[in-house]
Amino acid sequence: MRTFTYVMCYIAFLIFSNAILFKIMHWPGASVMLVFGYLTSVIAGALLLKHKLNENKEEEVVNIPKNKSDNILDT
């Protein structure tokens, strides 16, 4: 699922960059591509946010109190 999210982000980037090129060149279909690129980026952003929040929950580390002698810099 993580790979799918990154592929969606890449596809959204490609659609946006092509839409900008189409707008500059005044070719037809630019507005449709902009809307489709926006929707793709919103979906990809939501998936990316979901994955990042899940990573933070999984990587949550409990702080273990250390003795002063454990730290080299406390001299």
N, C-alpha and C. Protein backbone atom coordinates (compact mmCIF):
# COMPACT_ATOMS: atom_id res chain seq x y z
N MET A 1 0.83 -1.19 0.00
CA MET A 1 0.00 0.00 0.00
C MET A 1 0.87 1.26 0.00
N ARG A 2 2.03 1.17 0.64
CA ARG A 2 2.92 2.32 0.69
C ARG A 2 3.44 2.65 -0.72
N THR A 3 3.78 1.61 -1.48
CA THR A 3 4.25 1.80 -2.84
C THR A 3 3.15 2.43 -3.69
N PHE A 4 1.92 1.98 -3.50
CA PHE A 4 0.79 2.54 -4.23
C PHE A 4 0.65 4.03 -3.95
N THR A 5 0.86 4.43 -2.70
CA THR A 5 0.75 5.84 -2.34
C THR A 5 1.81 6.67 -3.05
N TYR A 6 3.04 6.18 -3.08
CA TYR A 6 4.10 6.92 -3.75
C TYR A 6 3.88 6.97 -5.27
N VAL A 7 3.33 5.90 -5.83
CA VAL A 7 3.02 5.90 -7.26
C VAL A 7 1.91 6.93 -7.55
N MET A 8 0.92 7.01 -6.67
CA MET A 8 -0.15 8.00 -6.84
C MET A 8 0.41 9.43 -6.79
N CYS A 9 1.35 9.68 -5.88
CA CYS A 9 1.97 11.01 -5.81
C CYS A 9 2.72 11.32 -7.10
N TYR A 10 3.43 10.34 -7.62
CA TYR A 10 4.18 10.53 -8.86
C TYR A 10 3.23 10.79 -10.03
N ILE A 11 2.13 10.05 -10.09
CA ILE A 11 1.15 10.24 -11.16
C ILE A 11 0.53 11.63 -11.06
N ALA A 12 0.21 12.07 -9.85
CA ALA A 12 -0.35 13.41 -9.67
C ALA A 12 0.62 14.48 -10.15
N PHE A 13 1.90 14.31 -9.85
CA PHE A 13 2.92 15.25 -10.31
C PHE A 13 2.98 15.29 -11.83
N LEU A 14 2.95 14.12 -12.46
CA LEU A 14 3.00 14.07 -13.92
C LEU A 14 1.78 14.73 -14.56
N ILE A 15 0.61 14.49 -13.98
CA ILE A 15 -0.60 15.08 -14.53
C ILE A 15 -0.55 16.60 -14.40
N PHE A 16 -0.11 17.09 -13.23
CA PHE A 16 -0.01 18.54 -13.04
C PHE A 16 1.00 19.17 -13.99
N SER A 17 2.16 18.54 -14.14
CA SER A 17 3.17 19.13 -15.02
C SER A 17 2.70 19.13 -16.47
N ASN A 18 2.01 18.07 -16.89
CA ASN A 18 1.46 18.07 -18.25
C ASN A 18 0.35 19.09 -18.40
N ALA A 19 -0.47 19.26 -17.39
CA ALA A 19 -1.54 20.24 -17.45
C ALA A 19 -0.98 21.66 -17.57
N ILE A 20 0.08 21.93 -16.85
CA ILE A 20 0.71 23.26 -16.96
C ILE A 20 1.26 23.48 -18.36
N LEU A 21 1.90 22.44 -18.92
CA LEU A 21 2.39 22.54 -20.29
C LEU A 21 1.24 22.77 -21.26
N PHE A 22 0.14 22.05 -21.09
CA PHE A 22 -1.01 22.23 -21.96
C PHE A 22 -1.58 23.64 -21.83
N LYS A 23 -1.61 24.19 -20.61
CA LYS A 23 -2.12 25.55 -20.41
C LYS A 23 -1.23 26.57 -21.10
N ILE A 24 0.07 26.40 -20.98
CA ILE A 24 1.01 27.34 -21.61
C ILE A 24 0.87 27.31 -23.13
N MET A 25 0.73 26.09 -23.68
CA MET A 25 0.64 25.94 -25.13
C MET A 25 -0.78 26.16 -25.67
N HIS A 26 -1.75 26.39 -24.78
CA HIS A 26 -3.16 26.61 -25.16
C HIS A 26 -3.73 25.41 -25.93
N TRP A 27 -3.36 24.22 -25.49
CA TRP A 27 -3.90 23.00 -26.09
C TRP A 27 -5.17 22.60 -25.37
N PRO A 28 -6.08 21.91 -26.06
CA PRO A 28 -7.32 21.49 -25.40
C PRO A 28 -7.07 20.38 -24.38
N GLY A 29 -7.88 20.37 -23.36
CA GLY A 29 -7.77 19.33 -22.34
C GLY A 29 -7.01 19.75 -21.10
N ALA A 30 -6.50 20.96 -21.08
CA ALA A 30 -5.70 21.40 -19.95
C ALA A 30 -6.54 21.53 -18.68
N SER A 31 -7.74 22.05 -18.80
CA SER A 31 -8.60 22.23 -17.62
C SER A 31 -9.00 20.89 -17.02
N VAL A 32 -9.31 19.93 -17.88
CA VAL A 32 -9.67 18.60 -17.39
C VAL A 32 -8.48 17.96 -16.67
N MET A 33 -7.29 18.13 -17.24
CA MET A 33 -6.10 17.57 -16.61
C MET A 33 -5.81 18.23 -15.27
N LEU A 34 -6.03 19.54 -15.18
CA LEU A 34 -5.82 20.22 -13.91
C LEU A 34 -6.76 19.70 -12.83
N VAL A 35 -8.02 19.52 -13.18
CA VAL A 35 -9.00 19.00 -12.22
C VAL A 35 -8.65 17.57 -11.82
N PHE A 36 -8.32 16.74 -12.81
CA PHE A 36 -7.96 15.35 -12.52
C PHE A 36 -6.68 15.27 -11.69
N GLY A 37 -5.72 16.14 -11.99
CA GLY A 37 -4.48 16.18 -11.21
C GLY A 37 -4.72 16.63 -9.78
N TYR A 38 -5.62 17.58 -9.62
CA TYR A 38 -5.95 18.05 -8.27
C TYR A 38 -6.61 16.93 -7.47
N LEU A 39 -7.57 16.25 -8.07
CA LEU A 39 -8.24 15.15 -7.36
C LEU A 39 -7.27 14.02 -7.03
N THR A 40 -6.39 13.71 -7.96
CA THR A 40 -5.39 12.67 -7.71
C THR A 40 -4.45 13.07 -6.58
N SER A 41 -4.05 14.34 -6.54
CA SER A 41 -3.15 14.77 -5.49
C SER A 41 -3.83 14.81 -4.12
N VAL A 42 -5.11 15.11 -4.09
CA VAL A 42 -5.85 15.09 -2.82
C VAL A 42 -5.93 13.66 -2.28
N ILE A 43 -6.24 12.72 -3.16
CA ILE A 43 -6.31 11.31 -2.75
C ILE A 43 -4.94 10.81 -2.30
N ALA A 44 -3.91 11.14 -3.09
CA ALA A 44 -2.55 10.70 -2.74
C ALA A 44 -2.09 11.36 -1.44
N GLY A 45 -2.44 12.62 -1.24
CA GLY A 45 -2.06 13.31 0.00
C GLY A 45 -2.74 12.70 1.22
N ALA A 46 -4.01 12.32 1.07
CA ALA A 46 -4.72 11.67 2.18
C ALA A 46 -4.10 10.32 2.50
N LEU A 47 -3.75 9.55 1.47
CA LEU A 47 -3.11 8.26 1.71
C LEU A 47 -1.73 8.43 2.35
N LEU A 48 -0.99 9.42 1.89
CA LEU A 48 0.34 9.68 2.45
C LEU A 48 0.25 10.11 3.91
N LEU A 49 -0.73 10.95 4.22
CA LEU A 49 -0.93 11.38 5.61
C LEU A 49 -1.29 10.19 6.48
N LYS A 50 -2.15 9.31 5.97
CA LYS A 50 -2.54 8.11 6.72
C LYS A 50 -1.33 7.24 7.02
N HIS A 51 -0.47 7.03 6.03
CA HIS A 51 0.71 6.20 6.23
C HIS A 51 1.70 6.83 7.20
N LYS A 52 1.89 8.13 7.10
CA LYS A 52 2.83 8.81 8.00
C LYS A 52 2.32 8.77 9.44
N LEU A 53 1.02 8.93 9.64
CA LEU A 53 0.47 8.86 10.99
C LEU A 53 0.59 7.45 11.56
N ASN A 54 0.38 6.44 10.72
CA ASN A 54 0.55 5.06 11.17
C ASN A 54 2.01 4.75 11.50
N GLU A 55 2.95 5.30 10.75
CA GLU A 55 4.37 5.10 11.03
C GLU A 55 4.73 5.71 12.38
N ASN A 56 4.19 6.90 12.67
CA ASN A 56 4.50 7.55 13.95
C ASN A 56 3.96 6.74 15.12
N LYS A 57 2.80 6.13 14.96
CA LYS A 57 2.25 5.31 16.04
C LYS A 57 3.07 4.06 16.26
N GLU A 58 3.55 3.45 15.17
CA GLU A 58 4.34 2.23 15.27
C GLU A 58 5.73 2.49 15.82
N GLU A 59 6.30 3.64 15.50
CA GLU A 59 7.67 3.94 15.91
C GLU A 59 7.74 4.69 17.23
N GLU A 60 6.64 4.80 17.92
CA GLU A 60 6.63 5.51 19.19
C GLU A 60 7.52 4.76 20.18
N VAL A 61 8.50 5.45 20.71
CA VAL A 61 9.48 4.83 21.59
C VAL A 61 9.25 5.34 23.00
N VAL A 62 9.30 4.43 23.93
CA VAL A 62 9.17 4.80 25.34
C VAL A 62 10.53 5.29 25.81
N ASN A 63 10.54 6.48 26.43
CA ASN A 63 11.79 7.02 26.95
C ASN A 63 12.21 6.26 28.20
N ILE A 64 13.39 5.70 28.14
CA ILE A 64 13.93 4.95 29.28
C ILE A 64 14.87 5.89 30.02
N PRO A 65 14.63 6.09 31.31
CA PRO A 65 15.53 6.97 32.06
C PRO A 65 16.93 6.36 32.15
N LYS A 66 17.93 7.19 31.92
CA LYS A 66 19.31 6.72 31.95
C LYS A 66 20.01 7.28 33.18
N ASN A 67 21.01 6.58 33.60
CA ASN A 67 21.88 7.08 34.67
C ASN A 67 22.81 8.13 34.09
N LYS A 68 23.31 9.00 34.94
CA LYS A 68 24.23 10.02 34.45
C LYS A 68 25.51 9.40 33.94
N SER A 69 25.88 8.27 34.47
CA SER A 69 27.12 7.63 34.04
C SER A 69 26.98 6.99 32.65
N ASP A 70 25.77 6.84 32.16
CA ASP A 70 25.57 6.24 30.84
C ASP A 70 25.90 7.22 29.72
N ASN A 71 25.86 8.49 30.00
CA ASN A 71 26.07 9.48 28.97
C ASN A 71 27.50 9.98 29.00
N ILE A 72 28.21 9.89 27.88
CA ILE A 72 29.61 10.31 27.81
C ILE A 72 29.73 11.82 27.97
N LEU A 73 28.76 12.55 27.47
CA LEU A 73 28.87 14.01 27.47
C LEU A 73 28.62 14.65 28.83
N ASP A 74 28.16 13.89 29.80
CA ASP A 74 27.91 14.43 31.14
C ASP A 74 29.16 14.34 32.00
N THR A 75 30.20 15.03 31.64
CA THR A 75 31.42 15.01 32.45
C THR A 75 31.64 16.32 33.13
